[in-house]
Amino acid sequence: MLSNSGFGFGLSYRRQYTEDLAGQVTLSVSESKEDKEVEYYDPYTGSSFVPGKLNRFMVIPLNLGVQYRLFREDIVDTFRPYLNAGIGPTMIWEMPFAHVTQNPSGPPTVDQVEFFNAISQGTPHFTAGGFIGAGAYFGSQQSTILGINIRYYINYLFSGGLPSQYNPATGETTAWKSSFGGFYITINIGMG
């Protein structure tokens, strides 16, 4: 999975019901970040940093979906376009990117948290979500699945936003994130 928020991966199980209709269960994990984030690289230390970033977010949806093949009678079997949609529960895993400590006499103290350490410090948040998409499978082998899919995910946290950015000068939270969806390009590889 590839989006403007980063990379992801997933697993799916697909069952064919008719020549045109299939059902699918998909579990995926992807990153979601604030649109305003800009990552900088320090050539002297070899590290990267994002000014004002407070938390990381991992989006983990479990979707039940349907897939409908298009133009089966009109297009050869080596190109099989389809439409798909899914709905299901979604977990947003909120992980610290930085620990910010207020300092009354000057700028706040900021300690960046390494990614794998941040996972154990995370907090789950649950919501419902879904997707709509279009894609195609390629190749003459029906038993081997190779394709591409463009999806728009809708994952909105209705209980309010989660803190995502802070002001580097004061340490106060300046942005909250509640929408964790967007466009994704997925590459599908599997066995039928």
N, C-alpha and C. Protein backbone atom coordinates (compact mmCIF):
# COMPACT_ATOMS: atom_id res chain seq x y z
N MET A 1 0.85 -1.18 0.00
CA MET A 1 0.00 0.00 0.00
C MET A 1 0.89 1.23 0.00
N LEU A 2 0.50 2.23 -0.76
CA LEU A 2 1.27 3.46 -0.86
C LEU A 2 0.29 4.64 -0.87
N SER A 3 0.58 5.64 -0.04
CA SER A 3 -0.25 6.85 0.00
C SER A 3 0.65 8.04 0.28
N ASN A 4 0.06 9.23 0.34
CA ASN A 4 0.85 10.41 0.68
C ASN A 4 1.25 10.41 2.15
N SER A 5 0.68 9.51 2.97
CA SER A 5 1.05 9.39 4.37
C SER A 5 2.15 8.36 4.61
N GLY A 6 2.49 7.57 3.60
CA GLY A 6 3.53 6.57 3.79
C GLY A 6 3.16 5.23 3.19
N PHE A 7 3.78 4.20 3.73
CA PHE A 7 3.61 2.85 3.22
C PHE A 7 2.73 2.03 4.16
N GLY A 8 2.29 0.89 3.66
CA GLY A 8 1.52 -0.03 4.47
C GLY A 8 1.56 -1.41 3.84
N PHE A 9 0.95 -2.36 4.51
CA PHE A 9 0.84 -3.71 3.96
C PHE A 9 -0.44 -4.33 4.48
N GLY A 10 -0.86 -5.41 3.86
CA GLY A 10 -2.09 -6.04 4.29
C GLY A 10 -2.19 -7.47 3.81
N LEU A 11 -3.18 -8.15 4.36
CA LEU A 11 -3.50 -9.52 3.98
C LEU A 11 -4.98 -9.55 3.63
N SER A 12 -5.33 -10.38 2.66
CA SER A 12 -6.75 -10.50 2.33
C SER A 12 -7.08 -11.93 1.93
N TYR A 13 -8.33 -12.26 2.14
CA TYR A 13 -8.87 -13.54 1.70
C TYR A 13 -10.03 -13.22 0.78
N ARG A 14 -10.00 -13.79 -0.44
CA ARG A 14 -11.00 -13.50 -1.45
C ARG A 14 -11.69 -14.79 -1.84
N ARG A 15 -13.03 -14.74 -1.92
CA ARG A 15 -13.80 -15.91 -2.34
C ARG A 15 -14.70 -15.52 -3.50
N GLN A 16 -14.59 -16.27 -4.59
CA GLN A 16 -15.38 -16.02 -5.80
C GLN A 16 -16.76 -16.65 -5.63
N TYR A 17 -17.85 -15.87 -5.82
CA TYR A 17 -19.21 -16.39 -5.70
C TYR A 17 -19.84 -16.63 -7.07
N THR A 18 -19.64 -15.73 -8.00
CA THR A 18 -20.08 -15.90 -9.38
C THR A 18 -18.91 -15.49 -10.27
N GLU A 19 -19.10 -15.52 -11.58
CA GLU A 19 -18.01 -15.11 -12.47
C GLU A 19 -17.68 -13.63 -12.31
N ASP A 20 -18.64 -12.85 -11.83
CA ASP A 20 -18.43 -11.41 -11.69
C ASP A 20 -18.33 -10.92 -10.25
N LEU A 21 -18.80 -11.67 -9.29
CA LEU A 21 -18.90 -11.19 -7.91
C LEU A 21 -18.04 -12.02 -6.96
N ALA A 22 -17.26 -11.32 -6.12
CA ALA A 22 -16.42 -11.98 -5.12
C ALA A 22 -16.57 -11.24 -3.79
N GLY A 23 -16.37 -11.96 -2.71
CA GLY A 23 -16.33 -11.37 -1.38
C GLY A 23 -14.89 -11.34 -0.90
N GLN A 24 -14.59 -10.42 0.02
CA GLN A 24 -13.21 -10.26 0.45
C GLN A 24 -13.16 -9.80 1.90
N VAL A 25 -12.21 -10.34 2.65
CA VAL A 25 -11.90 -9.89 4.00
C VAL A 25 -10.46 -9.37 3.96
N THR A 26 -10.25 -8.13 4.41
CA THR A 26 -8.93 -7.50 4.33
C THR A 26 -8.53 -6.93 5.68
N LEU A 27 -7.31 -7.22 6.10
CA LEU A 27 -6.71 -6.62 7.29
C LEU A 27 -5.44 -5.92 6.83
N SER A 28 -5.33 -4.62 7.11
CA SER A 28 -4.15 -3.88 6.67
C SER A 28 -3.61 -2.99 7.79
N VAL A 29 -2.36 -2.59 7.63
CA VAL A 29 -1.69 -1.69 8.56
C VAL A 29 -1.00 -0.63 7.73
N SER A 30 -1.27 0.64 8.03
CA SER A 30 -0.61 1.72 7.29
C SER A 30 -0.42 2.92 8.21
N GLU A 31 0.47 3.79 7.80
CA GLU A 31 0.76 5.00 8.57
C GLU A 31 -0.16 6.12 8.12
N SER A 32 -0.50 6.99 9.04
CA SER A 32 -1.26 8.20 8.71
C SER A 32 -0.58 9.36 9.41
N LYS A 33 -0.36 10.44 8.67
CA LYS A 33 0.29 11.60 9.28
C LYS A 33 -0.40 12.88 8.86
N GLU A 34 -0.09 13.93 9.57
CA GLU A 34 -0.67 15.24 9.31
C GLU A 34 -0.20 15.75 7.95
N ASP A 35 -1.10 16.40 7.21
CA ASP A 35 -0.75 16.91 5.88
C ASP A 35 0.36 17.95 5.92
N LYS A 36 0.47 18.68 7.03
CA LYS A 36 1.44 19.77 7.14
C LYS A 36 2.85 19.30 7.54
N GLU A 37 3.00 18.01 7.82
CA GLU A 37 4.30 17.52 8.27
C GLU A 37 5.34 17.60 7.17
N VAL A 38 6.53 18.07 7.54
CA VAL A 38 7.67 18.10 6.61
C VAL A 38 8.86 17.46 7.34
N GLU A 39 9.39 16.40 6.75
CA GLU A 39 10.52 15.71 7.36
C GLU A 39 11.82 16.28 6.83
N TYR A 40 12.74 16.59 7.73
CA TYR A 40 14.04 17.13 7.38
C TYR A 40 15.12 16.11 7.72
N TYR A 41 16.20 16.17 6.97
CA TYR A 41 17.33 15.28 7.18
C TYR A 41 18.54 16.11 7.58
N ASP A 42 19.19 15.72 8.68
CA ASP A 42 20.39 16.41 9.14
C ASP A 42 21.62 15.65 8.63
N PRO A 43 22.35 16.21 7.66
CA PRO A 43 23.49 15.48 7.09
C PRO A 43 24.65 15.31 8.07
N TYR A 44 24.71 16.13 9.12
CA TYR A 44 25.81 16.05 10.08
C TYR A 44 25.62 14.91 11.07
N THR A 45 24.37 14.65 11.47
CA THR A 45 24.10 13.58 12.43
C THR A 45 23.55 12.32 11.77
N GLY A 46 23.05 12.46 10.53
CA GLY A 46 22.47 11.31 9.83
C GLY A 46 21.06 10.98 10.29
N SER A 47 20.45 11.87 11.06
CA SER A 47 19.10 11.60 11.55
C SER A 47 18.09 12.50 10.84
N SER A 48 16.84 12.07 10.91
CA SER A 48 15.77 12.88 10.34
C SER A 48 14.89 13.38 11.48
N PHE A 49 14.20 14.49 11.26
CA PHE A 49 13.32 15.03 12.28
C PHE A 49 12.18 15.78 11.61
N VAL A 50 11.06 15.87 12.34
CA VAL A 50 9.88 16.58 11.86
C VAL A 50 9.54 17.63 12.92
N PRO A 51 9.78 18.91 12.64
CA PRO A 51 9.50 19.95 13.64
C PRO A 51 8.02 19.99 14.01
N GLY A 52 7.75 19.97 15.29
CA GLY A 52 6.39 20.10 15.78
C GLY A 52 5.55 18.84 15.77
N LYS A 53 6.11 17.70 15.37
CA LYS A 53 5.33 16.46 15.35
C LYS A 53 5.26 15.89 16.75
N LEU A 54 4.04 15.59 17.20
CA LEU A 54 3.82 15.11 18.55
C LEU A 54 3.58 13.60 18.60
N ASN A 55 2.72 13.07 17.70
CA ASN A 55 2.36 11.65 17.71
C ASN A 55 2.44 11.04 16.33
N ARG A 56 2.66 9.71 16.31
CA ARG A 56 2.56 8.89 15.11
C ARG A 56 1.21 8.17 15.17
N PHE A 57 0.68 7.81 13.99
CA PHE A 57 -0.60 7.10 13.94
C PHE A 57 -0.49 5.93 12.97
N MET A 58 -0.87 4.75 13.45
CA MET A 58 -0.98 3.57 12.59
C MET A 58 -2.47 3.25 12.48
N VAL A 59 -2.92 3.02 11.25
CA VAL A 59 -4.33 2.74 10.97
C VAL A 59 -4.45 1.26 10.63
N ILE A 60 -5.31 0.54 11.37
CA ILE A 60 -5.44 -0.90 11.20
C ILE A 60 -6.93 -1.24 10.99
N PRO A 61 -7.40 -1.20 9.72
CA PRO A 61 -8.79 -1.55 9.45
C PRO A 61 -8.97 -3.04 9.14
N LEU A 62 -10.11 -3.59 9.55
CA LEU A 62 -10.54 -4.93 9.18
C LEU A 62 -11.82 -4.75 8.38
N ASN A 63 -11.74 -4.95 7.07
CA ASN A 63 -12.88 -4.66 6.19
C ASN A 63 -13.44 -5.92 5.55
N LEU A 64 -14.77 -5.99 5.54
CA LEU A 64 -15.50 -6.99 4.77
C LEU A 64 -15.97 -6.29 3.51
N GLY A 65 -15.68 -6.88 2.35
CA GLY A 65 -15.99 -6.16 1.13
C GLY A 65 -16.50 -7.04 0.02
N VAL A 66 -16.90 -6.38 -1.05
CA VAL A 66 -17.33 -7.04 -2.27
C VAL A 66 -16.52 -6.50 -3.43
N GLN A 67 -16.39 -7.34 -4.44
CA GLN A 67 -15.64 -6.97 -5.64
C GLN A 67 -16.48 -7.39 -6.85
N TYR A 68 -16.69 -6.46 -7.77
CA TYR A 68 -17.51 -6.75 -8.95
C TYR A 68 -16.67 -6.55 -10.20
N ARG A 69 -16.54 -7.62 -10.98
CA ARG A 69 -15.75 -7.57 -12.21
C ARG A 69 -16.54 -6.82 -13.29
N LEU A 70 -15.84 -5.98 -14.04
CA LEU A 70 -16.44 -5.19 -15.12
C LEU A 70 -16.08 -5.76 -16.49
N PHE A 71 -16.99 -5.65 -17.42
CA PHE A 71 -16.75 -5.94 -18.84
C PHE A 71 -16.20 -7.34 -19.10
N ARG A 72 -16.68 -8.33 -18.37
CA ARG A 72 -16.17 -9.70 -18.53
C ARG A 72 -16.37 -10.22 -19.95
N GLU A 73 -17.51 -9.89 -20.56
CA GLU A 73 -17.81 -10.37 -21.91
C GLU A 73 -17.06 -9.60 -22.99
N ASP A 74 -16.57 -8.40 -22.68
CA ASP A 74 -16.00 -7.53 -23.70
C ASP A 74 -14.48 -7.46 -23.71
N ILE A 75 -13.83 -7.83 -22.61
CA ILE A 75 -12.37 -7.69 -22.49
C ILE A 75 -11.75 -9.07 -22.27
N VAL A 76 -10.58 -9.29 -22.83
CA VAL A 76 -9.90 -10.57 -22.67
C VAL A 76 -9.57 -10.82 -21.21
N ASP A 77 -9.36 -12.09 -20.87
CA ASP A 77 -9.12 -12.47 -19.47
C ASP A 77 -7.76 -12.04 -18.93
N THR A 78 -6.86 -11.55 -19.77
CA THR A 78 -5.56 -11.11 -19.26
C THR A 78 -5.64 -9.73 -18.60
N PHE A 79 -6.77 -9.07 -18.75
CA PHE A 79 -7.01 -7.77 -18.10
C PHE A 79 -8.41 -7.82 -17.52
N ARG A 80 -8.51 -7.86 -16.18
CA ARG A 80 -9.80 -8.05 -15.52
C ARG A 80 -10.09 -6.87 -14.58
N PRO A 81 -10.71 -5.79 -15.09
CA PRO A 81 -11.01 -4.62 -14.24
C PRO A 81 -12.17 -4.92 -13.29
N TYR A 82 -12.18 -4.22 -12.16
CA TYR A 82 -13.24 -4.42 -11.17
C TYR A 82 -13.45 -3.16 -10.34
N LEU A 83 -14.60 -3.13 -9.67
CA LEU A 83 -14.92 -2.13 -8.64
C LEU A 83 -14.99 -2.88 -7.33
N ASN A 84 -14.62 -2.23 -6.23
CA ASN A 84 -14.74 -2.88 -4.93
C ASN A 84 -15.08 -1.86 -3.85
N ALA A 85 -15.63 -2.38 -2.76
CA ALA A 85 -15.98 -1.55 -1.61
C ALA A 85 -15.95 -2.44 -0.37
N GLY A 86 -15.70 -1.83 0.78
CA GLY A 86 -15.67 -2.58 2.03
C GLY A 86 -15.99 -1.68 3.21
N ILE A 87 -16.34 -2.34 4.31
CA ILE A 87 -16.69 -1.62 5.53
C ILE A 87 -16.30 -2.49 6.72
N GLY A 88 -15.96 -1.85 7.85
CA GLY A 88 -15.62 -2.63 9.03
C GLY A 88 -15.01 -1.78 10.12
N PRO A 89 -14.63 -2.42 11.23
CA PRO A 89 -14.02 -1.69 12.35
C PRO A 89 -12.58 -1.29 12.03
N THR A 90 -12.15 -0.19 12.63
CA THR A 90 -10.79 0.32 12.42
C THR A 90 -10.19 0.70 13.77
N MET A 91 -8.93 0.31 13.96
CA MET A 91 -8.20 0.73 15.16
C MET A 91 -7.14 1.74 14.74
N ILE A 92 -7.10 2.86 15.45
CA ILE A 92 -6.05 3.86 15.27
C ILE A 92 -5.09 3.69 16.45
N TRP A 93 -3.83 3.36 16.16
CA TRP A 93 -2.83 3.18 17.21
C TRP A 93 -2.03 4.47 17.30
N GLU A 94 -2.24 5.21 18.39
CA GLU A 94 -1.56 6.49 18.63
C GLU A 94 -0.27 6.22 19.39
N MET A 95 0.86 6.62 18.81
CA MET A 95 2.17 6.39 19.42
C MET A 95 2.91 7.72 19.54
N PRO A 96 3.66 7.93 20.61
CA PRO A 96 4.39 9.20 20.73
C PRO A 96 5.52 9.30 19.72
N PHE A 97 5.65 10.46 19.13
CA PHE A 97 6.81 10.78 18.28
C PHE A 97 7.83 11.55 19.10
N ALA A 98 7.30 12.40 20.01
CA ALA A 98 8.17 13.19 20.88
C ALA A 98 7.49 13.39 22.23
N HIS A 99 8.29 13.40 23.29
CA HIS A 99 7.82 13.78 24.62
C HIS A 99 8.21 15.24 24.81
N VAL A 100 7.20 16.08 25.04
CA VAL A 100 7.42 17.51 25.19
C VAL A 100 7.23 17.88 26.65
N THR A 101 8.24 18.52 27.25
CA THR A 101 8.17 18.97 28.64
C THR A 101 8.20 20.49 28.65
N GLN A 102 7.17 21.08 29.27
CA GLN A 102 7.08 22.54 29.36
C GLN A 102 8.24 23.07 30.21
N ASN A 103 8.78 24.19 29.78
CA ASN A 103 9.86 24.84 30.51
C ASN A 103 9.45 26.30 30.71
N PRO A 104 9.10 26.73 31.94
CA PRO A 104 8.61 28.08 32.15
C PRO A 104 9.61 29.18 31.82
N SER A 105 10.90 28.86 31.81
CA SER A 105 11.89 29.91 31.58
C SER A 105 12.42 29.93 30.14
N GLY A 106 11.86 29.10 29.25
CA GLY A 106 12.35 29.09 27.87
C GLY A 106 11.59 28.09 27.02
N PRO A 107 12.17 27.74 25.89
CA PRO A 107 11.49 26.79 25.02
C PRO A 107 11.36 25.42 25.69
N PRO A 108 10.39 24.62 25.27
CA PRO A 108 10.19 23.31 25.90
C PRO A 108 11.32 22.34 25.58
N THR A 109 11.46 21.33 26.42
CA THR A 109 12.42 20.26 26.19
C THR A 109 11.71 19.17 25.40
N VAL A 110 12.34 18.73 24.32
CA VAL A 110 11.72 17.74 23.44
C VAL A 110 12.64 16.53 23.32
N ASP A 111 12.10 15.35 23.62
CA ASP A 111 12.83 14.09 23.46
C ASP A 111 12.11 13.25 22.42
N GLN A 112 12.78 13.01 21.28
CA GLN A 112 12.17 12.20 20.23
C GLN A 112 12.17 10.74 20.65
N VAL A 113 11.07 10.03 20.36
CA VAL A 113 10.91 8.62 20.74
C VAL A 113 11.18 7.75 19.52
N GLU A 114 12.07 6.77 19.66
CA GLU A 114 12.39 5.84 18.58
C GLU A 114 11.14 5.02 18.24
N PHE A 115 10.97 4.67 16.95
CA PHE A 115 9.75 4.04 16.46
C PHE A 115 9.36 2.79 17.23
N PHE A 116 10.27 1.84 17.39
CA PHE A 116 9.94 0.57 18.05
C PHE A 116 9.66 0.75 19.54
N ASN A 117 10.29 1.71 20.17
CA ASN A 117 9.95 2.02 21.57
C ASN A 117 8.57 2.67 21.66
N ALA A 118 8.21 3.44 20.65
CA ALA A 118 6.92 4.13 20.65
C ALA A 118 5.76 3.15 20.53
N ILE A 119 5.96 2.02 19.86
CA ILE A 119 4.88 1.04 19.69
C ILE A 119 4.35 0.59 21.04
N SER A 120 5.26 0.26 21.97
CA SER A 120 4.84 -0.22 23.29
C SER A 120 4.20 0.88 24.14
N GLN A 121 4.41 2.15 23.78
CA GLN A 121 3.83 3.27 24.52
C GLN A 121 2.52 3.74 23.89
N GLY A 122 2.04 3.01 22.88
CA GLY A 122 0.85 3.43 22.13
C GLY A 122 -0.46 3.23 22.87
N THR A 123 -1.49 3.88 22.33
CA THR A 123 -2.84 3.81 22.86
C THR A 123 -3.81 3.51 21.72
N PRO A 124 -4.71 2.52 21.87
CA PRO A 124 -5.65 2.23 20.79
C PRO A 124 -6.89 3.14 20.86
N HIS A 125 -7.41 3.48 19.69
CA HIS A 125 -8.67 4.21 19.56
C HIS A 125 -9.47 3.49 18.47
N PHE A 126 -10.77 3.27 18.70
CA PHE A 126 -11.57 2.47 17.79
C PHE A 126 -12.64 3.30 17.11
N THR A 127 -12.90 2.97 15.84
CA THR A 127 -13.93 3.63 15.06
C THR A 127 -14.36 2.68 13.95
N ALA A 128 -15.29 3.12 13.11
CA ALA A 128 -15.71 2.36 11.94
C ALA A 128 -15.14 3.03 10.70
N GLY A 129 -14.93 2.27 9.67
CA GLY A 129 -14.38 2.83 8.44
C GLY A 129 -14.78 2.00 7.24
N GLY A 130 -14.25 2.39 6.11
CA GLY A 130 -14.55 1.66 4.89
C GLY A 130 -13.74 2.20 3.73
N PHE A 131 -13.98 1.64 2.55
CA PHE A 131 -13.28 2.10 1.35
C PHE A 131 -14.13 1.84 0.12
N ILE A 132 -13.84 2.59 -0.93
CA ILE A 132 -14.35 2.32 -2.28
C ILE A 132 -13.14 2.35 -3.20
N GLY A 133 -13.20 1.57 -4.28
CA GLY A 133 -12.03 1.53 -5.14
C GLY A 133 -12.30 0.93 -6.50
N ALA A 134 -11.28 0.96 -7.32
CA ALA A 134 -11.30 0.37 -8.65
C ALA A 134 -9.92 -0.17 -8.93
N GLY A 135 -9.87 -1.26 -9.67
CA GLY A 135 -8.58 -1.86 -9.97
C GLY A 135 -8.67 -2.85 -11.10
N ALA A 136 -7.62 -3.62 -11.28
CA ALA A 136 -7.59 -4.64 -12.32
C ALA A 136 -6.57 -5.71 -11.95
N TYR A 137 -6.88 -6.94 -12.36
CA TYR A 137 -5.92 -8.04 -12.28
C TYR A 137 -5.35 -8.25 -13.67
N PHE A 138 -4.08 -8.71 -13.73
CA PHE A 138 -3.39 -8.89 -14.99
C PHE A 138 -2.91 -10.33 -15.12
N GLY A 139 -2.76 -10.78 -16.34
CA GLY A 139 -2.19 -12.10 -16.61
C GLY A 139 -3.25 -13.11 -16.99
N SER A 140 -2.80 -14.17 -17.67
CA SER A 140 -3.72 -15.19 -18.15
C SER A 140 -4.00 -16.25 -17.10
N GLN A 141 -3.17 -16.33 -16.07
CA GLN A 141 -3.36 -17.34 -15.03
C GLN A 141 -4.40 -16.86 -14.03
N GLN A 142 -5.55 -17.51 -13.95
CA GLN A 142 -6.58 -17.15 -12.98
C GLN A 142 -6.16 -17.56 -11.56
N SER A 143 -5.26 -18.54 -11.45
CA SER A 143 -4.86 -19.02 -10.13
C SER A 143 -3.81 -18.11 -9.47
N THR A 144 -3.15 -17.28 -10.26
CA THR A 144 -2.18 -16.34 -9.73
C THR A 144 -2.77 -14.93 -9.80
N ILE A 145 -2.76 -14.23 -8.67
CA ILE A 145 -3.35 -12.89 -8.63
C ILE A 145 -2.22 -11.86 -8.65
N LEU A 146 -2.26 -11.02 -9.66
CA LEU A 146 -1.34 -9.90 -9.77
C LEU A 146 -2.15 -8.72 -10.26
N GLY A 147 -2.20 -7.66 -9.47
CA GLY A 147 -3.03 -6.53 -9.87
C GLY A 147 -2.71 -5.27 -9.11
N ILE A 148 -3.46 -4.24 -9.46
CA ILE A 148 -3.32 -2.94 -8.83
C ILE A 148 -4.71 -2.42 -8.51
N ASN A 149 -4.83 -1.68 -7.41
CA ASN A 149 -6.11 -1.17 -6.95
C ASN A 149 -5.90 0.24 -6.40
N ILE A 150 -6.78 1.16 -6.77
CA ILE A 150 -6.77 2.51 -6.20
C ILE A 150 -7.99 2.61 -5.30
N ARG A 151 -7.76 2.91 -4.03
CA ARG A 151 -8.85 2.96 -3.05
C ARG A 151 -8.87 4.30 -2.33
N TYR A 152 -10.06 4.69 -1.94
CA TYR A 152 -10.21 5.83 -1.05
C TYR A 152 -10.75 5.30 0.27
N TYR A 153 -9.95 5.39 1.33
CA TYR A 153 -10.34 4.93 2.65
C TYR A 153 -10.99 6.07 3.43
N ILE A 154 -12.05 5.72 4.14
CA ILE A 154 -12.75 6.67 5.01
C ILE A 154 -12.61 6.11 6.43
N ASN A 155 -11.76 6.71 7.24
CA ASN A 155 -11.57 6.33 8.64
C ASN A 155 -11.59 7.60 9.46
N TYR A 156 -12.72 7.88 10.05
CA TYR A 156 -12.90 9.13 10.79
C TYR A 156 -13.13 8.81 12.26
N LEU A 157 -12.39 9.47 13.14
CA LEU A 157 -12.51 9.26 14.58
C LEU A 157 -13.58 10.20 15.11
N PHE A 158 -14.75 9.67 15.44
CA PHE A 158 -15.90 10.48 15.85
C PHE A 158 -15.79 11.00 17.28
N SER A 159 -14.93 10.40 18.09
CA SER A 159 -14.81 10.81 19.50
C SER A 159 -13.94 12.04 19.69
N GLY A 160 -13.61 12.73 18.62
CA GLY A 160 -12.73 13.90 18.71
C GLY A 160 -11.37 13.59 18.14
N GLY A 161 -10.58 14.60 17.93
CA GLY A 161 -9.27 14.40 17.33
C GLY A 161 -8.22 13.98 18.33
N LEU A 162 -7.13 13.46 17.80
CA LEU A 162 -5.97 13.09 18.61
C LEU A 162 -4.87 14.12 18.39
N PRO A 163 -4.13 14.48 19.44
CA PRO A 163 -3.09 15.51 19.29
C PRO A 163 -2.02 15.05 18.31
N SER A 164 -1.70 15.92 17.34
CA SER A 164 -0.74 15.51 16.32
C SER A 164 0.47 16.43 16.21
N GLN A 165 0.31 17.72 16.53
CA GLN A 165 1.42 18.66 16.41
C GLN A 165 1.45 19.61 17.60
N TYR A 166 2.63 20.19 17.84
CA TYR A 166 2.79 21.16 18.92
C TYR A 166 3.60 22.35 18.40
N ASN A 167 3.52 23.43 19.13
CA ASN A 167 4.29 24.63 18.80
C ASN A 167 5.68 24.48 19.41
N PRO A 168 6.76 24.43 18.59
CA PRO A 168 8.11 24.25 19.14
C PRO A 168 8.55 25.35 20.09
N ALA A 169 7.95 26.53 19.98
CA ALA A 169 8.36 27.63 20.86
C ALA A 169 7.72 27.54 22.24
N THR A 170 6.47 27.05 22.30
CA THR A 170 5.75 27.02 23.58
C THR A 170 5.48 25.62 24.11
N GLY A 171 5.47 24.61 23.23
CA GLY A 171 5.16 23.25 23.65
C GLY A 171 3.68 22.95 23.69
N GLU A 172 2.83 23.92 23.35
CA GLU A 172 1.39 23.71 23.39
C GLU A 172 0.93 22.97 22.13
N THR A 173 -0.08 22.10 22.30
CA THR A 173 -0.64 21.36 21.17
C THR A 173 -1.35 22.32 20.24
N THR A 174 -1.06 22.22 18.94
CA THR A 174 -1.63 23.15 17.97
C THR A 174 -2.52 22.47 16.93
N ALA A 175 -2.47 21.13 16.81
CA ALA A 175 -3.28 20.45 15.80
C ALA A 175 -3.76 19.11 16.34
N TRP A 176 -4.99 18.75 16.00
CA TRP A 176 -5.60 17.48 16.35
C TRP A 176 -6.03 16.80 15.06
N LYS A 177 -5.83 15.52 14.98
CA LYS A 177 -6.16 14.76 13.77
C LYS A 177 -7.37 13.87 14.04
N SER A 178 -8.38 13.94 13.17
CA SER A 178 -9.56 13.10 13.31
C SER A 178 -9.85 12.29 12.05
N SER A 179 -9.28 12.68 10.91
CA SER A 179 -9.49 11.95 9.66
C SER A 179 -8.23 11.16 9.32
N PHE A 180 -8.37 9.84 9.20
CA PHE A 180 -7.23 8.96 8.98
C PHE A 180 -7.33 8.20 7.67
N GLY A 181 -8.10 8.70 6.74
CA GLY A 181 -8.28 8.04 5.46
C GLY A 181 -7.48 8.72 4.37
N GLY A 182 -7.90 8.48 3.13
CA GLY A 182 -7.26 9.08 1.98
C GLY A 182 -7.09 8.08 0.86
N PHE A 183 -6.44 8.51 -0.21
CA PHE A 183 -6.20 7.66 -1.37
C PHE A 183 -5.01 6.74 -1.14
N TYR A 184 -5.17 5.48 -1.53
CA TYR A 184 -4.10 4.50 -1.45
C TYR A 184 -3.99 3.76 -2.78
N ILE A 185 -2.79 3.47 -3.17
CA ILE A 185 -2.53 2.58 -4.30
C ILE A 185 -2.05 1.27 -3.71
N THR A 186 -2.73 0.18 -4.05
CA THR A 186 -2.34 -1.11 -3.51
C THR A 186 -1.89 -2.02 -4.66
N ILE A 187 -0.83 -2.75 -4.41
CA ILE A 187 -0.34 -3.78 -5.33
C ILE A 187 -0.80 -5.11 -4.75
N ASN A 188 -1.49 -5.90 -5.53
CA ASN A 188 -2.04 -7.18 -5.07
C ASN A 188 -1.25 -8.33 -5.67
N ILE A 189 -0.73 -9.18 -4.81
CA ILE A 189 0.00 -10.37 -5.22
C ILE A 189 -0.52 -11.54 -4.40
N GLY A 190 -0.88 -12.63 -5.07
CA GLY A 190 -1.41 -13.75 -4.31
C GLY A 190 -1.72 -14.96 -5.17
N MET A 191 -2.35 -15.93 -4.54
CA MET A 191 -2.76 -17.16 -5.20
C MET A 191 -4.28 -17.23 -5.17
N GLY A 192 -4.87 -17.72 -6.26
CA GLY A 192 -6.32 -17.84 -6.35
C GLY A 192 -6.81 -19.20 -5.95
